[in-house]
Amino acid sequence: MAPPRLLHEEMEDFLTYKENEARLRAVVRER
């Protein structure tokens, strides 16, 4: 099993990715 810290960092990256994806969709919607 991966260390908790590594898992936490992966979750942070995942949330950041989802946040960026949402922003990109919002920008596309505004056009």
PDB file of N, CA and C in Angstrom:
ATOM      1  N   MET A   1       0.848  -1.205   0.000  1.00  0.00           N
ATOM      2  CA  MET A   1       0.000   0.000   0.000  1.00  0.00           C
ATOM      3  C   MET A   1       0.882   1.253   0.000  1.00  0.00           C
ATOM      4  N   ALA A   2       0.469   2.268  -0.725  1.00  0.00           N
ATOM      5  CA  ALA A   2       1.270   3.499  -0.822  1.00  0.00           C
ATOM      6  C   ALA A   2       1.194   4.291   0.479  1.00  0.00           C
ATOM      7  N   PRO A   3       2.251   5.027   0.777  1.00  0.00           N
ATOM      8  CA  PRO A   3       2.247   5.869   1.988  1.00  0.00           C
ATOM      9  C   PRO A   3       1.114   6.890   1.939  1.00  0.00           C
ATOM     10  N   PRO A   4       0.508   7.211   3.084  1.00  0.00           N
ATOM     11  CA  PRO A   4      -0.615   8.167   3.117  1.00  0.00           C
ATOM     12  C   PRO A   4      -0.259   9.499   2.476  1.00  0.00           C
ATOM     13  N   ARG A   5       1.002   9.951   2.679  1.00  0.00           N
ATOM     14  CA  ARG A   5       1.386  11.253   2.126  1.00  0.00           C
ATOM     15  C   ARG A   5       1.329  11.223   0.601  1.00  0.00           C
ATOM     16  N   LEU A   6       1.809  10.149   0.009  1.00  0.00           N
ATOM     17  CA  LEU A   6       1.791  10.037  -1.447  1.00  0.00           C
ATOM     18  C   LEU A   6       0.342  10.050  -1.943  1.00  0.00           C
ATOM     19  N   LEU A   7      -0.515   9.293  -1.254  1.00  0.00           N
ATOM     20  CA  LEU A   7      -1.925   9.244  -1.631  1.00  0.00           C
ATOM     21  C   LEU A   7      -2.539  10.638  -1.543  1.00  0.00           C
ATOM     22  N   HIS A   8      -2.187  11.366  -0.479  1.00  0.00           N
ATOM     23  CA  HIS A   8      -2.724  12.718  -0.310  1.00  0.00           C
ATOM     24  C   HIS A   8      -2.277  13.606  -1.465  1.00  0.00           C
ATOM     25  N   GLU A   9      -1.007  13.497  -1.842  1.00  0.00           N
ATOM     26  CA  GLU A   9      -0.502  14.326  -2.947  1.00  0.00           C
ATOM     27  C   GLU A   9      -1.226  13.977  -4.244  1.00  0.00           C
ATOM     28  N   GLU A  10      -1.497  12.694  -4.446  1.00  0.00           N
ATOM     29  CA  GLU A  10      -2.214  12.291  -5.659  1.00  0.00           C
ATOM     30  C   GLU A  10      -3.629  12.863  -5.656  1.00  0.00           C
ATOM     31  N   MET A  11      -4.256  12.869  -4.490  1.00  0.00           N
ATOM     32  CA  MET A  11      -5.602  13.436  -4.394  1.00  0.00           C
ATOM     33  C   MET A  11      -5.574  14.931  -4.693  1.00  0.00           C
ATOM     34  N   GLU A  12      -4.537  15.612  -4.177  1.00  0.00           N
ATOM     35  CA  GLU A  12      -4.408  17.054  -4.444  1.00  0.00           C
ATOM     36  C   GLU A  12      -4.288  17.285  -5.945  1.00  0.00           C
ATOM     37  N   ASP A  13      -3.452  16.478  -6.608  1.00  0.00           N
ATOM     38  CA  ASP A  13      -3.276  16.623  -8.055  1.00  0.00           C
ATOM     39  C   ASP A  13      -4.593  16.356  -8.773  1.00  0.00           C
ATOM     40  N   PHE A  14      -5.335  15.344  -8.310  1.00  0.00           N
ATOM     41  CA  PHE A  14      -6.607  15.003  -8.943  1.00  0.00           C
ATOM     42  C   PHE A  14      -7.612  16.143  -8.796  1.00  0.00           C
ATOM     43  N   LEU A  15      -7.693  16.696  -7.579  1.00  0.00           N
ATOM     44  CA  LEU A  15      -8.629  17.805  -7.348  1.00  0.00           C
ATOM     45  C   LEU A  15      -8.233  19.021  -8.175  1.00  0.00           C
ATOM     46  N   THR A  16      -6.935  19.278  -8.256  1.00  0.00           N
ATOM     47  CA  THR A  16      -6.458  20.414  -9.053  1.00  0.00           C
ATOM     48  C   THR A  16      -6.824  20.196 -10.518  1.00  0.00           C
ATOM     49  N   TYR A  17      -6.675  18.955 -10.997  1.00  0.00           N
ATOM     50  CA  TYR A  17      -7.017  18.635 -12.381  1.00  0.00           C
ATOM     51  C   TYR A  17      -8.505  18.873 -12.624  1.00  0.00           C
ATOM     52  N   LYS A  18      -9.329  18.415 -11.708  1.00  0.00           N
ATOM     53  CA  LYS A  18     -10.771  18.600 -11.867  1.00  0.00           C
ATOM     54  C   LYS A  18     -11.129  20.085 -11.839  1.00  0.00           C
ATOM     55  N   GLU A  19     -10.441  20.835 -10.970  1.00  0.00           N
ATOM     56  CA  GLU A  19     -10.709  22.271 -10.874  1.00  0.00           C
ATOM     57  C   GLU A  19     -10.347  22.952 -12.190  1.00  0.00           C
ATOM     58  N   ASN A  20      -9.198  22.598 -12.745  1.00  0.00           N
ATOM     59  CA  ASN A  20      -8.768  23.193 -14.013  1.00  0.00           C
ATOM     60  C   ASN A  20      -9.730  22.799 -15.127  1.00  0.00           C
ATOM     61  N   GLU A  21     -10.193  21.551 -15.110  1.00  0.00           N
ATOM     62  CA  GLU A  21     -11.131  21.091 -16.131  1.00  0.00           C
ATOM     63  C   GLU A  21     -12.418  21.909 -16.060  1.00  0.00           C
ATOM     64  N   ALA A  22     -12.899  22.153 -14.849  1.00  0.00           N
ATOM     65  CA  ALA A  22     -14.126  22.935 -14.668  1.00  0.00           C
ATOM     66  C   ALA A  22     -13.923  24.354 -15.184  1.00  0.00           C
ATOM     67  N   ARG A  23     -12.746  24.922 -14.906  1.00  0.00           N
ATOM     68  CA  ARG A  23     -12.472  26.289 -15.380  1.00  0.00           C
ATOM     69  C   ARG A  23     -12.441  26.327 -16.899  1.00  0.00           C
ATOM     70  N   LEU A  24     -11.820  25.332 -17.513  1.00  0.00           N
ATOM     71  CA  LEU A  24     -11.748  25.305 -18.974  1.00  0.00           C
ATOM     72  C   LEU A  24     -13.152  25.220 -19.566  1.00  0.00           C
ATOM     73  N   ARG A  25     -13.999  24.385 -18.970  1.00  0.00           N
ATOM     74  CA  ARG A  25     -15.371  24.265 -19.482  1.00  0.00           C
ATOM     75  C   ARG A  25     -16.115  25.581 -19.335  1.00  0.00           C
ATOM     76  N   ALA A  26     -15.878  26.286 -18.234  1.00  0.00           N
ATOM     77  CA  ALA A  26     -16.538  27.575 -18.012  1.00  0.00           C
ATOM     78  C   ALA A  26     -16.091  28.574 -19.071  1.00  0.00           C
ATOM     79  N   VAL A  27     -14.802  28.571 -19.381  1.00  0.00           N
ATOM     80  CA  VAL A  27     -14.276  29.496 -20.398  1.00  0.00           C
ATOM     81  C   VAL A  27     -14.891  29.178 -21.753  1.00  0.00           C
ATOM     82  N   VAL A  28     -14.988  27.902 -22.075  1.00  0.00           N
ATOM     83  CA  VAL A  28     -15.573  27.511 -23.362  1.00  0.00           C
ATOM     84  C   VAL A  28     -17.033  27.935 -23.412  1.00  0.00           C
ATOM     85  N   ARG A  29     -17.739  27.818 -22.279  1.00  0.00           N
ATOM     86  CA  ARG A  29     -19.150  28.187 -22.232  1.00  0.00           C
ATOM     87  C   ARG A  29     -19.331  29.682 -22.485  1.00  0.00           C
ATOM     88  N   GLU A  30     -18.397  30.498 -21.994  1.00  0.00           N
ATOM     89  CA  GLU A  30     -18.530  31.957 -22.145  1.00  0.00           C
ATOM     90  C   GLU A  30     -18.410  32.379 -23.607  1.00  0.00           C
ATOM     91  N   ARG A  31     -17.699  31.591 -24.393  1.00  0.00           N
ATOM     92  CA  ARG A  31     -17.502  31.989 -25.797  1.00  0.00           C
ATOM     93  C   ARG A  31     -18.780  31.878 -26.605  1.00  0.00           C
TER      94      ARG A  31
END
